[in-house]
């Protein structure tokens, strides 16, 4: 079975679900990442960035993935 045929892991789904929420501030978001996902904010962002390029993530949460891809592209174009 290829990687694209495997389902997303529970952690991947939790990260995508978490990313779909809006946060009032970075501090609250970072604290929630540690408490709810059990990972550092840096590890969360690295995993989320990788998921944005994963077709399985797009199939699972198209609105979230497309919104975050657009934000990432905008940040990259501003460099």
C-alpha atoms as a PDB file:
ATOM      1  CA  UNK A   1       0.000   0.000   0.000  1.00  0.00           C
ATOM      2  CA  UNK A   2       1.490   3.390  -0.963  1.00  0.00           C
ATOM      3  CA  UNK A   3       1.603   6.322   1.436  1.00  0.00           C
ATOM      4  CA  UNK A   4      -1.199   8.082  -0.457  1.00  0.00           C
ATOM      5  CA  UNK A   5      -3.457   5.072   0.109  1.00  0.00           C
ATOM      6  CA  UNK A   6      -2.856   5.049   3.872  1.00  0.00           C
ATOM      7  CA  UNK A   7      -5.273   7.105   5.943  1.00  0.00           C
ATOM      8  CA  UNK A   8      -4.045  10.147   7.838  1.00  0.00           C
ATOM      9  CA  UNK A   9      -2.911   9.388  11.367  1.00  0.00           C
ATOM     10  CA  UNK A  10      -4.971  10.523  14.346  1.00  0.00           C
ATOM     11  CA  UNK A  11      -2.235  13.075  15.102  1.00  0.00           C
ATOM     12  CA  UNK A  12      -2.391  14.446  11.543  1.00  0.00           C
ATOM     13  CA  UNK A  13      -6.170  14.813  11.774  1.00  0.00           C
ATOM     14  CA  UNK A  14      -5.870  16.512  15.177  1.00  0.00           C
ATOM     15  CA  UNK A  15      -3.332  18.988  13.746  1.00  0.00           C
ATOM     16  CA  UNK A  16      -5.587  19.793  10.789  1.00  0.00           C
ATOM     17  CA  UNK A  17      -8.608  20.203  13.052  1.00  0.00           C
ATOM     18  CA  UNK A  18      -6.593  22.448  15.370  1.00  0.00           C
ATOM     19  CA  UNK A  19      -5.374  24.530  12.407  1.00  0.00           C
ATOM     20  CA  UNK A  20      -8.962  25.188  11.346  1.00  0.00           C
ATOM     21  CA  UNK A  21      -9.586  27.257  14.484  1.00  0.00           C
ATOM     22  CA  UNK A  22      -8.897  30.957  14.912  1.00  0.00           C
ATOM     23  CA  UNK A  23      -6.926  32.106  17.955  1.00  0.00           C
ATOM     24  CA  UNK A  24      -6.971  35.497  19.656  1.00  0.00           C
ATOM     25  CA  UNK A  25      -3.231  35.444  20.191  1.00  0.00           C
ATOM     26  CA  UNK A  26      -0.085  33.442  19.668  1.00  0.00           C
ATOM     27  CA  UNK A  27       0.345  32.780  23.389  1.00  0.00           C
ATOM     28  CA  UNK A  28      -3.066  31.144  23.726  1.00  0.00           C
ATOM     29  CA  UNK A  29      -2.499  29.110  20.575  1.00  0.00           C
ATOM     30  CA  UNK A  30       0.948  27.932  21.667  1.00  0.00           C
ATOM     31  CA  UNK A  31      -0.350  26.912  25.092  1.00  0.00           C
ATOM     32  CA  UNK A  32      -3.218  24.989  23.479  1.00  0.00           C
ATOM     33  CA  UNK A  33      -0.787  23.236  21.109  1.00  0.00           C
ATOM     34  CA  UNK A  34       1.208  21.973  24.076  1.00  0.00           C
ATOM     35  CA  UNK A  35      -1.861  20.982  26.104  1.00  0.00           C
ATOM     36  CA  UNK A  36      -4.071  19.477  23.389  1.00  0.00           C
ATOM     37  CA  UNK A  37      -1.560  18.078  20.921  1.00  0.00           C
ATOM     38  CA  UNK A  38       1.321  17.327  23.273  1.00  0.00           C
ATOM     39  CA  UNK A  39       3.947  18.894  21.020  1.00  0.00           C
ATOM     40  CA  UNK A  40       5.911  22.095  20.798  1.00  0.00           C
ATOM     41  CA  UNK A  41       4.621  24.921  18.612  1.00  0.00           C
ATOM     42  CA  UNK A  42       7.664  24.439  16.351  1.00  0.00           C
ATOM     43  CA  UNK A  43       6.917  20.727  15.853  1.00  0.00           C
ATOM     44  CA  UNK A  44       3.258  21.589  15.207  1.00  0.00           C
ATOM     45  CA  UNK A  45       4.150  24.133  12.518  1.00  0.00           C
ATOM     46  CA  UNK A  46       6.605  21.735  10.867  1.00  0.00           C
ATOM     47  CA  UNK A  47       4.010  18.969  10.742  1.00  0.00           C
ATOM     48  CA  UNK A  48       1.292  21.339   9.555  1.00  0.00           C
ATOM     49  CA  UNK A  49       3.535  22.650   6.780  1.00  0.00           C
ATOM     50  CA  UNK A  50       4.222  19.090   5.622  1.00  0.00           C
ATOM     51  CA  UNK A  51       0.509  18.284   5.721  1.00  0.00           C
ATOM     52  CA  UNK A  52      -0.254  21.224   3.427  1.00  0.00           C
ATOM     53  CA  UNK A  53       1.570  19.333   0.673  1.00  0.00           C
ATOM     54  CA  UNK A  54      -0.155  16.007   1.407  1.00  0.00           C
ATOM     55  CA  UNK A  55      -3.101  15.163  -0.900  1.00  0.00           C
ATOM     56  CA  UNK A  56      -4.713  13.182   1.930  1.00  0.00           C
ATOM     57  CA  UNK A  57      -4.831  16.341   4.055  1.00  0.00           C
ATOM     58  CA  UNK A  58      -6.435  18.244   1.191  1.00  0.00           C
ATOM     59  CA  UNK A  59      -9.076  15.525   0.871  1.00  0.00           C
ATOM     60  CA  UNK A  60      -9.719  15.571   4.642  1.00  0.00           C
ATOM     61  CA  UNK A  61      -9.900  19.343   5.175  1.00  0.00           C
ATOM     62  CA  UNK A  62      -9.968  21.166   1.831  1.00  0.00           C
ATOM     63  CA  UNK A  63     -11.030  24.567   3.172  1.00  0.00           C
ATOM     64  CA  UNK A  64      -8.364  24.596   5.873  1.00  0.00           C
ATOM     65  CA  UNK A  65      -5.597  23.311   3.615  1.00  0.00           C
ATOM     66  CA  UNK A  66      -6.436  25.712   0.776  1.00  0.00           C
ATOM     67  CA  UNK A  67      -6.637  28.684   3.175  1.00  0.00           C
ATOM     68  CA  UNK A  68      -3.287  27.822   4.747  1.00  0.00           C
ATOM     69  CA  UNK A  69      -1.667  27.157   1.362  1.00  0.00           C
ATOM     70  CA  UNK A  70      -2.763  30.623   0.218  1.00  0.00           C
ATOM     71  CA  UNK A  71      -1.362  32.205   3.391  1.00  0.00           C
ATOM     72  CA  UNK A  72       1.913  30.332   2.951  1.00  0.00           C
ATOM     73  CA  UNK A  73       2.185  31.416  -0.702  1.00  0.00           C
ATOM     74  CA  UNK A  74       1.538  35.047   0.270  1.00  0.00           C
ATOM     75  CA  UNK A  75       4.230  34.952   2.966  1.00  0.00           C
ATOM     76  CA  UNK A  76       6.706  33.416   0.533  1.00  0.00           C
ATOM     77  CA  UNK A  77       5.966  36.033  -2.144  1.00  0.00           C
ATOM     78  CA  UNK A  78       6.580  38.851   0.354  1.00  0.00           C
ATOM     79  CA  UNK A  79      10.168  37.745   1.014  1.00  0.00           C
END
